Amino acid sequence: MKYILFLTVIFTNSVFAAGGGHGGSPMDLKWKLLNFFLLFGFIAFKIRKPVSEMFTKNAKEVEELFHYADKLDKEASKNLSEAETKLKNITNAKKAIQDEANTEASNFGKKYNLEIDEKIKKFKSDSELRLENDKNVMIGEIRKKLVDEVISKAKSSIAANSNHKNNITSKLLSKI
């Protein structure tokens, strides 16, 4: 390549030097055109293979990137569909949890009301038993007071009347 460049420079200089002092003509360009086509022809010949390999390599890389992007797109589509399925399942699970919570709350309310009703019945029966017991205790106290009062009146009546004293004493002694 160095030789071709060297020869090109030499031929070009000789053409310029032979030009003389007159004005230029289109025929003066023939050597320049020849040099141009030789130089660029040689350059094209030399870099055609590396450029071709570069474009082939780039085409393969682009194709690989396209396949990789296609693969990633398929994976992303799959992940998206899985995420959508999970989202639907989450919505269904949320609804199931809410339904279960509502059912449990309703059952708790019913159970609570039954317990309250049972406690009220128990309190009523306990209060009735207590009232009955208090009534019986009061009646017993009243009877005791009544008996005590009857006995005290009988004592005072006997103590006031000596005739009754003698009759009662004789009756008591006769029983002994």
Foldseek 3Di string as FASTA:
>chain_A
DVVLVVVLVVVLVVLVVPPPDDDDDPVSCPSVVVSVCVVVVVVCVVCVVVVVVVVVVVVVVVVVVVVVVVVVVVVVVVVVVVVVVVVVVVVVVVVVVVVVVVVVVVVVVVVVVVVVVVVVVVVVVVVVVVVVVVVVVVVVVVVVVVVVVVVVVVVVVCVVDVVSVVVVVVVVVVVD
